[in-house]
C-alpha atoms as a PDB file:
ATOM      1  CA  MET A   1      26.438  27.076 -14.856  1.00  0.00           C
ATOM      2  CA  ILE A   2      23.499  28.622 -16.739  1.00  0.00           C
ATOM      3  CA  GLY A   3      21.635  25.308 -16.528  1.00  0.00           C
ATOM      4  CA  ILE A   4      21.681  25.207 -12.793  1.00  0.00           C
ATOM      5  CA  TYR A   5      20.448  28.767 -12.557  1.00  0.00           C
ATOM      6  CA  LEU A   6      17.498  27.947 -14.862  1.00  0.00           C
ATOM      7  CA  ILE A   7      16.630  24.897 -12.804  1.00  0.00           C
ATOM      8  CA  GLY A   8      16.956  26.847  -9.585  1.00  0.00           C
ATOM      9  CA  GLY A   9      14.830  29.664 -10.858  1.00  0.00           C
ATOM     10  CA  LEU A  10      12.073  27.379 -12.026  1.00  0.00           C
ATOM     11  CA  ILE A  11      11.977  25.484  -8.770  1.00  0.00           C
ATOM     12  CA  THR A  12      12.046  28.691  -6.792  1.00  0.00           C
ATOM     13  CA  LEU A  13       9.043  30.025  -8.709  1.00  0.00           C
ATOM     14  CA  VAL A  14       7.049  26.773  -8.078  1.00  0.00           C
ATOM     15  CA  SER A  15       8.183  26.714  -4.453  1.00  0.00           C
ATOM     16  CA  LEU A  16       6.994  30.317  -3.956  1.00  0.00           C
ATOM     17  CA  PHE A  17       3.641  29.567  -5.556  1.00  0.00           C
ATOM     18  CA  VAL A  18       3.066  26.523  -3.292  1.00  0.00           C
ATOM     19  CA  SER A  19       4.330  28.418  -0.235  1.00  0.00           C
ATOM     20  CA  ASN A  20       2.035  31.313  -0.978  1.00  0.00           C
ATOM     21  CA  ARG A  21      -1.013  29.057  -1.442  1.00  0.00           C
ATOM     22  CA  LEU A  22      -0.137  27.272   1.839  1.00  0.00           C
ATOM     23  CA  LYS A  23      -0.008  30.526   3.727  1.00  0.00           C
ATOM     24  CA  ASN A  24      -3.294  31.684   2.204  1.00  0.00           C
ATOM     25  CA  LYS A  25      -4.971  28.330   3.031  1.00  0.00           C
ATOM     26  CA  PHE A  26      -3.869  28.497   6.596  1.00  0.00           C
ATOM     27  CA  LYS A  27      -4.932  32.118   6.897  1.00  0.00           C
ATOM     28  CA  LYS A  28      -8.368  31.238   5.498  1.00  0.00           C
ATOM     29  CA  TYR A  29      -8.853  28.167   7.617  1.00  0.00           C
ATOM     30  CA  SER A  30      -7.540  29.961  10.705  1.00  0.00           C
ATOM     31  CA  GLN A  31     -10.668  32.067  10.552  1.00  0.00           C
ATOM     32  CA  THR A  32     -12.918  28.988  10.835  1.00  0.00           C
ATOM     33  CA  PRO A  33     -13.645  28.240  14.594  1.00  0.00           C
ATOM     34  CA  LEU A  34     -13.821  24.534  15.471  1.00  0.00           C
ATOM     35  CA  SER A  35     -17.272  23.378  16.389  1.00  0.00           C
ATOM     36  CA  GLY A  36     -15.683  21.286  19.147  1.00  0.00           C
ATOM     37  CA  GLY A  37     -13.874  24.274  20.550  1.00  0.00           C
ATOM     38  CA  PHE A  38     -10.538  22.433  21.085  1.00  0.00           C
ATOM     39  CA  SER A  39      -7.204  24.307  20.907  1.00  0.00           C
ATOM     40  CA  GLY A  40      -4.254  23.018  19.012  1.00  0.00           C
ATOM     41  CA  LYS A  41      -2.636  22.053  22.333  1.00  0.00           C
ATOM     42  CA  GLU A  42      -5.719  20.176  23.531  1.00  0.00           C
ATOM     43  CA  ILE A  43      -6.048  18.338  20.214  1.00  0.00           C
ATOM     44  CA  ALA A  44      -2.467  17.234  20.308  1.00  0.00           C
ATOM     45  CA  GLU A  45      -2.683  15.993  23.903  1.00  0.00           C
ATOM     46  CA  LYS A  46      -5.881  14.124  23.195  1.00  0.00           C
ATOM     47  CA  MET A  47      -4.440  12.495  20.086  1.00  0.00           C
ATOM     48  CA  LEU A  48      -1.301  11.352  21.939  1.00  0.00           C
ATOM     49  CA  ALA A  49      -3.376  10.032  24.867  1.00  0.00           C
ATOM     50  CA  ASP A  50      -5.650   8.112  22.455  1.00  0.00           C
ATOM     51  CA  HIS A  51      -2.574   6.388  21.056  1.00  0.00           C
ATOM     52  CA  GLY A  52      -1.198   5.588  24.537  1.00  0.00           C
ATOM     53  CA  ILE A  53       1.653   8.141  24.333  1.00  0.00           C
ATOM     54  CA  TYR A  54       2.268   9.891  27.652  1.00  0.00           C
ATOM     55  CA  ASP A  55       6.025  10.664  27.506  1.00  0.00           C
ATOM     56  CA  VAL A  56       5.707  13.326  24.801  1.00  0.00           C
ATOM     57  CA  LYS A  57       5.235  17.022  25.826  1.00  0.00           C
ATOM     58  CA  VAL A  58       3.231  19.605  23.806  1.00  0.00           C
ATOM     59  CA  ILE A  59       4.975  22.912  23.957  1.00  0.00           C
ATOM     60  CA  SER A  60       4.675  26.313  22.200  1.00  0.00           C
ATOM     61  CA  VAL A  61       7.438  27.720  19.888  1.00  0.00           C
ATOM     62  CA  SER A  62       7.705  31.129  18.257  1.00  0.00           C
ATOM     63  CA  GLY A  63       7.238  31.837  14.580  1.00  0.00           C
ATOM     64  CA  MET A  64       4.705  30.976  11.845  1.00  0.00           C
ATOM     65  CA  LEU A  65       4.524  27.404  10.391  1.00  0.00           C
ATOM     66  CA  THR A  66       7.486  26.421  12.651  1.00  0.00           C
ATOM     67  CA  ASP A  67       5.536  23.421  13.987  1.00  0.00           C
ATOM     68  CA  HIS A  68       7.568  20.188  14.319  1.00  0.00           C
ATOM     69  CA  TYR A  69       8.146  17.048  16.228  1.00  0.00           C
ATOM     70  CA  ASN A  70      11.483  16.631  18.012  1.00  0.00           C
ATOM     71  CA  PRO A  71      12.222  12.833  18.411  1.00  0.00           C
ATOM     72  CA  LEU A  72      15.283  13.492  20.570  1.00  0.00           C
ATOM     73  CA  LYS A  73      13.458  15.650  23.254  1.00  0.00           C
ATOM     74  CA  LYS A  74      10.084  13.986  22.547  1.00  0.00           C
ATOM     75  CA  THR A  75       8.205  17.157  22.189  1.00  0.00           C
ATOM     76  CA  VAL A  76       5.447  18.280  19.791  1.00  0.00           C
ATOM     77  CA  ASN A  77       6.348  21.877  19.077  1.00  0.00           C
ATOM     78  CA  LEU A  78       3.370  23.948  18.023  1.00  0.00           C
ATOM     79  CA  SER A  79       3.764  27.551  16.689  1.00  0.00           C
ATOM     80  CA  GLU A  80       2.038  30.506  18.182  1.00  0.00           C
ATOM     81  CA  GLY A  81      -0.706  30.393  15.579  1.00  0.00           C
ATOM     82  CA  VAL A  82      -1.546  26.780  16.447  1.00  0.00           C
ATOM     83  CA  TYR A  83      -0.893  26.197  20.128  1.00  0.00           C
ATOM     84  CA  ASN A  84      -3.751  28.233  21.607  1.00  0.00           C
ATOM     85  CA  GLN A  85      -5.899  28.585  18.502  1.00  0.00           C
ATOM     86  CA  ARG A  86      -9.204  26.808  18.015  1.00  0.00           C
ATOM     87  CA  ASN A  87      -9.711  26.478  14.280  1.00  0.00           C
ATOM     88  CA  ALA A  88      -9.437  24.042  11.371  1.00  0.00           C
ATOM     89  CA  ALA A  89      -5.909  24.996  10.527  1.00  0.00           C
ATOM     90  CA  ALA A  90      -4.658  24.554  14.075  1.00  0.00           C
ATOM     91  CA  MET A  91      -6.407  21.164  14.316  1.00  0.00           C
ATOM     92  CA  ALA A  92      -4.734  19.914  11.063  1.00  0.00           C
ATOM     93  CA  VAL A  93      -1.205  21.051  12.130  1.00  0.00           C
ATOM     94  CA  SER A  94      -1.358  19.726  15.672  1.00  0.00           C
ATOM     95  CA  ALA A  95      -2.732  16.432  14.630  1.00  0.00           C
ATOM     96  CA  HIS A  96      -0.069  16.121  11.871  1.00  0.00           C
ATOM     97  CA  GLU A  97       2.791  16.676  14.294  1.00  0.00           C
ATOM     98  CA  CYS A  98       1.316  14.144  16.612  1.00  0.00           C
ATOM     99  CA  GLY A  99       1.387  11.786  13.652  1.00  0.00           C
ATOM    100  CA  HIS A 100       5.154  11.995  13.736  1.00  0.00           C
ATOM    101  CA  ALA A 101       5.202  11.214  17.479  1.00  0.00           C
ATOM    102  CA  ILE A 102       3.053   8.129  16.735  1.00  0.00           C
ATOM    103  CA  GLN A 103       5.442   7.180  14.020  1.00  0.00           C
ATOM    104  CA  HIS A 104       8.292   7.404  16.455  1.00  0.00           C
ATOM    105  CA  ALA A 105       6.442   5.358  19.071  1.00  0.00           C
ATOM    106  CA  ASN A 106       5.695   2.666  16.513  1.00  0.00           C
ATOM    107  CA  SER A 107       9.259   2.662  15.052  1.00  0.00           C
ATOM    108  CA  TYR A 108       8.005   3.660  11.654  1.00  0.00           C
ATOM    109  CA  ALA A 109      10.616   2.476   9.149  1.00  0.00           C
ATOM    110  CA  TRP A 110      10.772   5.587   6.995  1.00  0.00           C
ATOM    111  CA  LEU A 111      11.095   7.911   9.998  1.00  0.00           C
ATOM    112  CA  LYS A 112      13.862   5.646  11.408  1.00  0.00           C
ATOM    113  CA  MET A 113      15.660   5.896   8.038  1.00  0.00           C
ATOM    114  CA  ARG A 114      15.330   9.653   7.917  1.00  0.00           C
ATOM    115  CA  SER A 115      16.580  10.035  11.463  1.00  0.00           C
ATOM    116  CA  ALA A 116      19.576   7.806  10.718  1.00  0.00           C
ATOM    117  CA  ILE A 117      20.792   9.945   7.861  1.00  0.00           C
ATOM    118  CA  VAL A 118      20.243  13.318   9.510  1.00  0.00           C
ATOM    119  CA  PRO A 119      23.822  13.641  10.911  1.00  0.00           C
ATOM    120  CA  VAL A 120      25.318  12.782   7.515  1.00  0.00           C
ATOM    121  CA  VAL A 121      23.177  15.253   5.681  1.00  0.00           C
ATOM    122  CA  GLN A 122      23.896  17.976   8.259  1.00  0.00           C
ATOM    123  CA  PHE A 123      27.632  17.375   7.644  1.00  0.00           C
ATOM    124  CA  SER A 124      27.412  17.254   3.847  1.00  0.00           C
ATOM    125  CA  SER A 125      25.214  20.329   3.626  1.00  0.00           C
ATOM    126  CA  ARG A 126      28.026  22.467   5.104  1.00  0.00           C
ATOM    127  CA  PHE A 127      30.472  21.776   2.312  1.00  0.00           C
ATOM    128  CA  VAL A 128      28.595  20.373  -0.631  1.00  0.00           C
ATOM    129  CA  GLN A 129      27.963  23.657  -2.502  1.00  0.00           C
ATOM    130  CA  TRP A 130      31.589  24.734  -2.360  1.00  0.00           C
ATOM    131  CA  ILE A 131      32.751  21.263  -3.458  1.00  0.00           C
ATOM    132  CA  LEU A 132      30.336  21.297  -6.392  1.00  0.00           C
ATOM    133  CA  ILE A 133      31.465  24.802  -7.587  1.00  0.00           C
ATOM    134  CA  ALA A 134      35.153  23.796  -7.263  1.00  0.00           C
ATOM    135  CA  GLY A 135      34.404  20.508  -8.972  1.00  0.00           C
ATOM    136  CA  ILE A 136      32.801  22.250 -11.921  1.00  0.00           C
ATOM    137  CA  LEU A 137      35.750  24.639 -12.283  1.00  0.00           C
ATOM    138  CA  LEU A 138      38.223  21.726 -12.161  1.00  0.00           C
ATOM    139  CA  VAL A 139      36.066  19.154 -13.918  1.00  0.00           C
ATOM    140  CA  ASN A 140      38.625  18.450 -16.686  1.00  0.00           C
ATOM    141  CA  SER A 141      41.706  18.299 -14.499  1.00  0.00           C
ATOM    142  CA  PHE A 142      40.283  16.856 -11.249  1.00  0.00           C
ATOM    143  CA  PRO A 143      36.901  15.263 -12.027  1.00  0.00           C
ATOM    144  CA  GLN A 144      37.016  13.212  -8.738  1.00  0.00           C
ATOM    145  CA  LEU A 145      36.208  16.419  -6.858  1.00  0.00           C
ATOM    146  CA  LEU A 146      32.971  16.889  -8.730  1.00  0.00           C
ATOM    147  CA  LEU A 147      32.159  13.195  -8.203  1.00  0.00           C
ATOM    148  CA  ALA A 148      32.596  13.726  -4.432  1.00  0.00           C
ATOM    149  CA  GLY A 149      30.257  16.722  -4.603  1.00  0.00           C
ATOM    150  CA  VAL A 150      27.629  14.700  -6.523  1.00  0.00           C
ATOM    151  CA  ILE A 151      27.799  11.949  -3.889  1.00  0.00           C
ATOM    152  CA  LEU A 152      27.330  14.407  -1.053  1.00  0.00           C
ATOM    153  CA  PHE A 153      24.439  16.114  -2.801  1.00  0.00           C
ATOM    154  CA  ALA A 154      22.905  12.733  -3.490  1.00  0.00           C
ATOM    155  CA  LEU A 155      22.624  12.261   0.280  1.00  0.00           C
ATOM    156  CA  THR A 156      20.575  15.390   0.612  1.00  0.00           C
ATOM    157  CA  THR A 157      18.454  14.204  -2.279  1.00  0.00           C
ATOM    158  CA  ILE A 158      17.820  10.899  -0.613  1.00  0.00           C
ATOM    159  CA  PHE A 159      16.868  12.783   2.567  1.00  0.00           C
ATOM    160  CA  SER A 160      14.252  14.764   0.576  1.00  0.00           C
ATOM    161  CA  ILE A 161      12.843  11.648  -0.966  1.00  0.00           C
ATOM    162  CA  VAL A 162      12.641   9.753   2.308  1.00  0.00           C
ATOM    163  CA  THR A 163      10.896  12.736   3.868  1.00  0.00           C
ATOM    164  CA  LEU A 164       7.929  12.292   1.573  1.00  0.00           C
ATOM    165  CA  PRO A 165       6.469   9.056   2.933  1.00  0.00           C
ATOM    166  CA  VAL A 166       7.128  10.338   6.437  1.00  0.00           C
ATOM    167  CA  GLU A 167       5.076  13.541   5.831  1.00  0.00           C
ATOM    168  CA  PHE A 168       2.309  11.873   3.936  1.00  0.00           C
ATOM    169  CA  ASP A 169       1.954   9.092   6.502  1.00  0.00           C
ATOM    170  CA  ALA A 170       1.790  11.655   9.325  1.00  0.00           C
ATOM    171  CA  SER A 171      -1.035  13.505   7.561  1.00  0.00           C
ATOM    172  CA  LYS A 172      -2.840  10.185   6.902  1.00  0.00           C
ATOM    173  CA  ARG A 173      -2.653   9.320  10.609  1.00  0.00           C
ATOM    174  CA  ALA A 174      -3.819  12.825  11.569  1.00  0.00           C
ATOM    175  CA  LEU A 175      -6.899  12.756   9.297  1.00  0.00           C
ATOM    176  CA  ALA A 176      -7.804   9.234  10.213  1.00  0.00           C
ATOM    177  CA  TRP A 177      -7.879  10.103  13.937  1.00  0.00           C
ATOM    178  CA  ILE A 178      -9.769  13.352  13.301  1.00  0.00           C
ATOM    179  CA  LYS A 179     -12.452  11.465  11.413  1.00  0.00           C
ATOM    180  CA  GLN A 180     -12.540   8.432  13.748  1.00  0.00           C
ATOM    181  CA  ARG A 181     -12.927  10.572  16.865  1.00  0.00           C
ATOM    182  CA  ASN A 182     -15.408  13.001  15.223  1.00  0.00           C
ATOM    183  CA  MET A 183     -13.215  15.958  16.127  1.00  0.00           C
ATOM    184  CA  ALA A 184     -14.609  18.088  13.330  1.00  0.00           C
ATOM    185  CA  SER A 185     -17.584  18.649  11.098  1.00  0.00           C
ATOM    186  CA  PRO A 186     -17.374  17.416   7.440  1.00  0.00           C
ATOM    187  CA  GLU A 187     -16.560  21.017   6.392  1.00  0.00           C
ATOM    188  CA  GLU A 188     -13.851  21.424   9.005  1.00  0.00           C
ATOM    189  CA  TYR A 189     -12.436  17.960   8.039  1.00  0.00           C
ATOM    190  CA  ALA A 190     -12.291  19.050   4.412  1.00  0.00           C
ATOM    191  CA  MET A 191     -10.407  22.221   5.340  1.00  0.00           C
ATOM    192  CA  SER A 192      -7.945  20.221   7.395  1.00  0.00           C
ATOM    193  CA  LYS A 193      -7.400  17.766   4.559  1.00  0.00           C
ATOM    194  CA  ASP A 194      -6.863  20.601   2.054  1.00  0.00           C
ATOM    195  CA  ALA A 195      -4.348  22.453   4.364  1.00  0.00           C
ATOM    196  CA  LEU A 196      -2.288  19.292   4.850  1.00  0.00           C
ATOM    197  CA  LYS A 197      -2.303  18.660   1.138  1.00  0.00           C
ATOM    198  CA  TRP A 198      -0.670  21.975   0.415  1.00  0.00           C
ATOM    199  CA  ALA A 199       1.798  21.442   3.300  1.00  0.00           C
ATOM    200  CA  ALA A 200       2.783  18.111   1.741  1.00  0.00           C
ATOM    201  CA  LEU A 201       3.303  19.803  -1.655  1.00  0.00           C
ATOM    202  CA  THR A 202       6.063  21.897  -0.255  1.00  0.00           C
ATOM    203  CA  TYR A 203       8.035  18.674   0.470  1.00  0.00           C
ATOM    204  CA  VAL A 204       7.202  17.377  -3.049  1.00  0.00           C
ATOM    205  CA  VAL A 205       8.612  20.546  -4.704  1.00  0.00           C
ATOM    206  CA  ALA A 206      11.719  20.307  -2.520  1.00  0.00           C
ATOM    207  CA  ALA A 207      12.304  16.664  -3.552  1.00  0.00           C
ATOM    208  CA  ILE A 208      11.773  17.394  -7.260  1.00  0.00           C
ATOM    209  CA  GLY A 209      14.095  20.334  -7.107  1.00  0.00           C
ATOM    210  CA  SER A 210      16.753  18.260  -5.368  1.00  0.00           C
ATOM    211  CA  ILE A 211      16.466  15.466  -7.958  1.00  0.00           C
ATOM    212  CA  ALA A 212      16.704  17.873 -10.839  1.00  0.00           C
ATOM    213  CA  THR A 213      19.745  19.587  -9.373  1.00  0.00           C
ATOM    214  CA  LEU A 214      21.452  16.256  -8.724  1.00  0.00           C
ATOM    215  CA  LEU A 215      20.852  15.134 -12.346  1.00  0.00           C
ATOM    216  CA  TYR A 216      22.290  18.342 -13.593  1.00  0.00           C
ATOM    217  CA  TYR A 217      25.566  17.943 -11.660  1.00  0.00           C
ATOM    218  CA  LEU A 218      25.756  14.327 -12.568  1.00  0.00           C
ATOM    219  CA  SER A 219      25.334  15.176 -16.308  1.00  0.00           C
ATOM    220  CA  ILE A 220      28.254  17.612 -15.985  1.00  0.00           C
ATOM    221  CA  TYR A 221      30.454  14.894 -14.539  1.00  0.00           C
ATOM    222  CA  LEU A 222      29.441  12.259 -17.147  1.00  0.00           C
ATOM    223  CA  ASN A 223      29.907  14.710 -20.042  1.00  0.00           C
ATOM    224  CA  ARG A 224      33.239  16.162 -18.861  1.00  0.00           C
ATOM    225  CA  ARG A 225      35.050  14.975 -21.918  1.00  0.00           C
END
């Protein structure tokens, strides 16, 4: 069990570093007013319209960095620090979330794959930690239990990996649109690109952590004798 704590501790430290950098970047870029004067809501609505998407609503949600696209309700959910704000950070976030809406409208393969495994991951995440702990304790007498836990955890790892191309593609679409439509000055564009880079790194760290943890549990199962 010491190994998993070491892995978890290392990943947590890296995650905290990336998360802190992301918050600092957004705080810094939130102080840079957009030369075009558009709010996050206005940018989102314009980007959706430019892509012929009129059945997706742009709404405000509480919290910080709680922005997301809901494919079931077809809503682009922008946090309080993005919805009404008119700065480089708000532009980056709103355009990124619209990137997901465009993926949905275009039936982007990786997004469809991620959406398909969401119910399975939600189910497995409820029990996987308990099954893994019990599996380690009973690894010599009942190794099948640990194997079941490894399989369930592998599903969450697959979800983390599939999330990467979805997030990177959404940012790519956002930056391409911002540049094509001249929504920002070169300096503002650079800020948006940097903000989205750090946001993407949070998903990279999560995926690496999930892979490392999966390999750890798998090694316990394979070396049980």
